[in-house]
N, C-alpha and C. Protein backbone atom coordinates (compact mmCIF):
# COMPACT_ATOMS: atom_id res chain seq x y z
N MET A 1 28.40 -44.51 -21.53
CA MET A 1 27.18 -44.17 -21.16
C MET A 1 26.68 -42.39 -21.36
N ASP A 2 26.03 -42.12 -21.65
CA ASP A 2 25.36 -40.35 -21.76
C ASP A 2 24.45 -40.20 -20.90
N PHE A 3 24.98 -39.45 -20.04
CA PHE A 3 24.33 -38.68 -18.80
C PHE A 3 23.90 -37.64 -19.02
N SER A 4 24.03 -37.10 -20.01
CA SER A 4 23.84 -35.27 -20.39
C SER A 4 22.43 -35.30 -20.41
N ASN A 5 21.73 -36.06 -20.52
CA ASN A 5 19.99 -35.39 -20.37
C ASN A 5 19.41 -36.00 -19.19
N PHE A 6 20.24 -36.54 -18.09
CA PHE A 6 19.79 -36.81 -17.06
C PHE A 6 19.11 -35.76 -16.23
N ALA A 7 20.17 -34.96 -16.01
CA ALA A 7 19.59 -33.65 -15.15
C ALA A 7 18.44 -32.89 -15.82
N LYS A 8 18.30 -32.85 -17.18
CA LYS A 8 17.27 -32.11 -17.94
C LYS A 8 15.71 -32.91 -17.61
N ASN A 9 15.60 -33.98 -17.54
CA ASN A 9 14.48 -34.65 -17.05
C ASN A 9 13.98 -34.51 -15.76
N GLU A 10 14.66 -34.04 -14.83
CA GLU A 10 14.10 -33.89 -13.59
C GLU A 10 13.49 -32.57 -13.52
N PRO A 11 12.11 -33.12 -12.87
CA PRO A 11 11.48 -31.55 -12.35
C PRO A 11 12.07 -30.28 -11.57
N LYS A 12 11.72 -29.15 -12.08
CA LYS A 12 12.55 -28.21 -11.18
C LYS A 12 11.70 -28.21 -9.95
N LYS A 13 12.77 -28.19 -9.05
CA LYS A 13 12.43 -28.02 -7.50
C LYS A 13 11.86 -26.82 -7.16
N GLU A 14 10.47 -26.39 -6.50
CA GLU A 14 10.21 -25.00 -6.32
C GLU A 14 10.96 -24.34 -5.05
N LEU A 15 11.07 -23.38 -5.01
CA LEU A 15 12.09 -22.87 -4.37
C LEU A 15 10.95 -21.61 -3.29
N SER A 16 11.33 -22.30 -2.02
CA SER A 16 10.51 -21.60 -1.31
C SER A 16 10.87 -19.98 -0.94
N LYS A 17 9.87 -19.29 -0.54
CA LYS A 17 9.73 -17.67 -0.38
C LYS A 17 11.24 -17.30 0.24
N PHE A 18 12.10 -17.70 1.19
CA PHE A 18 13.16 -17.57 1.85
C PHE A 18 14.21 -17.72 0.91
N GLU A 19 14.14 -18.88 0.30
CA GLU A 19 15.10 -19.25 -0.90
C GLU A 19 15.03 -18.27 -2.07
N GLN A 20 13.76 -17.59 -2.41
CA GLN A 20 13.61 -16.73 -3.57
C GLN A 20 14.39 -15.43 -3.13
N PHE A 21 13.98 -14.82 -1.70
CA PHE A 21 14.73 -14.22 -1.12
C PHE A 21 16.09 -13.79 -0.74
N LYS A 22 16.87 -14.99 -0.78
CA LYS A 22 18.15 -15.12 -0.43
C LYS A 22 18.71 -14.72 -1.82
N GLU A 23 18.21 -14.97 -3.02
CA GLU A 23 18.82 -15.00 -4.30
C GLU A 23 19.00 -13.25 -4.65
N THR A 24 17.94 -12.52 -3.79
CA THR A 24 17.71 -10.87 -4.45
C THR A 24 19.17 -10.34 -3.59
N PRO A 25 19.37 -9.12 -4.11
CA PRO A 25 20.62 -8.20 -3.67
C PRO A 25 20.23 -7.53 -2.23
N ALA A 26 18.84 -7.59 -1.99
CA ALA A 26 18.46 -7.05 -0.61
C ALA A 26 18.60 -8.04 0.68
N TYR A 27 18.92 -9.26 0.25
CA TYR A 27 19.17 -10.37 1.47
C TYR A 27 20.53 -9.76 1.78
N GLN A 28 21.68 -9.34 0.73
CA GLN A 28 23.05 -9.64 1.24
C GLN A 28 23.13 -8.04 1.69
N VAL A 29 22.71 -6.76 1.31
CA VAL A 29 22.20 -5.81 1.84
C VAL A 29 22.08 -5.50 3.42
N GLY A 30 21.04 -6.62 3.70
CA GLY A 30 20.42 -6.76 4.83
C GLY A 30 21.35 -7.24 5.56
N LEU A 31 21.71 -8.58 5.27
CA LEU A 31 22.70 -9.09 5.84
C LEU A 31 24.03 -8.24 6.62
N ASN A 32 24.62 -7.72 5.64
CA ASN A 32 25.61 -6.87 5.87
C ASN A 32 25.46 -5.76 6.61
N VAL A 33 24.36 -4.86 6.44
CA VAL A 33 23.86 -3.89 7.53
C VAL A 33 23.63 -4.42 9.02
N GLY A 34 22.80 -5.65 8.89
CA GLY A 34 22.67 -6.34 10.23
C GLY A 34 23.89 -6.34 10.81
N LEU A 35 25.03 -7.33 10.36
CA LEU A 35 26.24 -7.48 11.05
C LEU A 35 27.32 -6.34 11.35
N PHE A 36 26.92 -5.72 10.39
CA PHE A 36 27.45 -3.76 10.74
C PHE A 36 26.87 -3.55 12.15
N ALA A 37 25.74 -3.43 12.05
CA ALA A 37 24.90 -3.04 13.51
C ALA A 37 25.57 -4.03 14.80
N LEU A 38 25.30 -5.03 14.58
CA LEU A 38 25.73 -6.08 15.58
C LEU A 38 27.39 -5.48 16.20
N GLY A 39 28.12 -5.67 15.09
CA GLY A 39 29.62 -5.35 15.48
C GLY A 39 29.91 -3.54 16.17
N VAL A 40 29.08 -3.04 15.78
CA VAL A 40 29.00 -1.49 16.21
C VAL A 40 28.38 -1.41 17.65
N ALA A 41 27.43 -2.20 17.95
CA ALA A 41 26.74 -2.44 18.99
C ALA A 41 27.85 -3.21 20.36
N PHE A 42 28.39 -4.05 19.75
CA PHE A 42 29.22 -4.88 20.52
C PHE A 42 30.51 -4.11 20.80
N ILE A 43 31.02 -3.30 19.91
CA ILE A 43 31.99 -2.65 20.42
C ILE A 43 31.88 -1.21 21.44
N GLN A 44 30.39 -0.98 21.10
CA GLN A 44 30.13 0.18 22.22
C GLN A 44 29.66 -0.56 23.64
N SER A 45 29.85 -1.72 23.61
CA SER A 45 29.01 -2.11 24.84
C SER A 45 30.21 -2.69 26.00
N SER A 46 29.48 -2.75 27.08
CA SER A 46 30.57 -2.66 28.25
C SER A 46 31.48 -4.09 28.18
N LEU A 47 30.89 -5.07 27.46
CA LEU A 47 31.52 -6.44 27.52
C LEU A 47 32.85 -6.05 26.65
N MET A 48 32.91 -5.18 25.54
CA MET A 48 34.12 -5.13 25.01
C MET A 48 35.08 -4.45 26.22
N ASP A 49 34.59 -3.68 26.83
CA ASP A 49 35.32 -3.00 27.83
C ASP A 49 36.16 -4.04 28.92
N LEU A 50 35.28 -5.29 28.90
CA LEU A 50 35.92 -6.25 30.05
C LEU A 50 36.75 -7.13 28.96
N LEU A 51 36.60 -7.18 27.60
CA LEU A 51 37.14 -8.09 27.04
C LEU A 51 38.55 -7.61 26.47
N ALA A 52 38.67 -6.30 26.22
CA ALA A 52 39.83 -5.80 25.69
C ALA A 52 40.78 -4.92 27.02
N PRO A 53 41.95 -5.22 27.10
CA PRO A 53 42.56 -4.50 28.07
C PRO A 53 42.91 -3.32 27.99
N GLN A 54 42.92 -2.00 28.74
CA GLN A 54 43.06 -0.77 28.70
C GLN A 54 44.52 -0.59 28.04
N ILE A 55 44.85 0.35 27.38
CA ILE A 55 46.19 0.46 26.77
C ILE A 55 46.32 1.75 26.94
């Protein structure tokens, strides 16, 4: 059986606005900047002082 044309006959699914945005480089940049900012905020917080012993 030849299924090579099976996928070609399906209609293309429309991507949502968020899925379209996820494919742009701005998504990766925003995600990395956001995670970096959260990491810096966590390191600067008093919670870090409680979790990390004084060396």
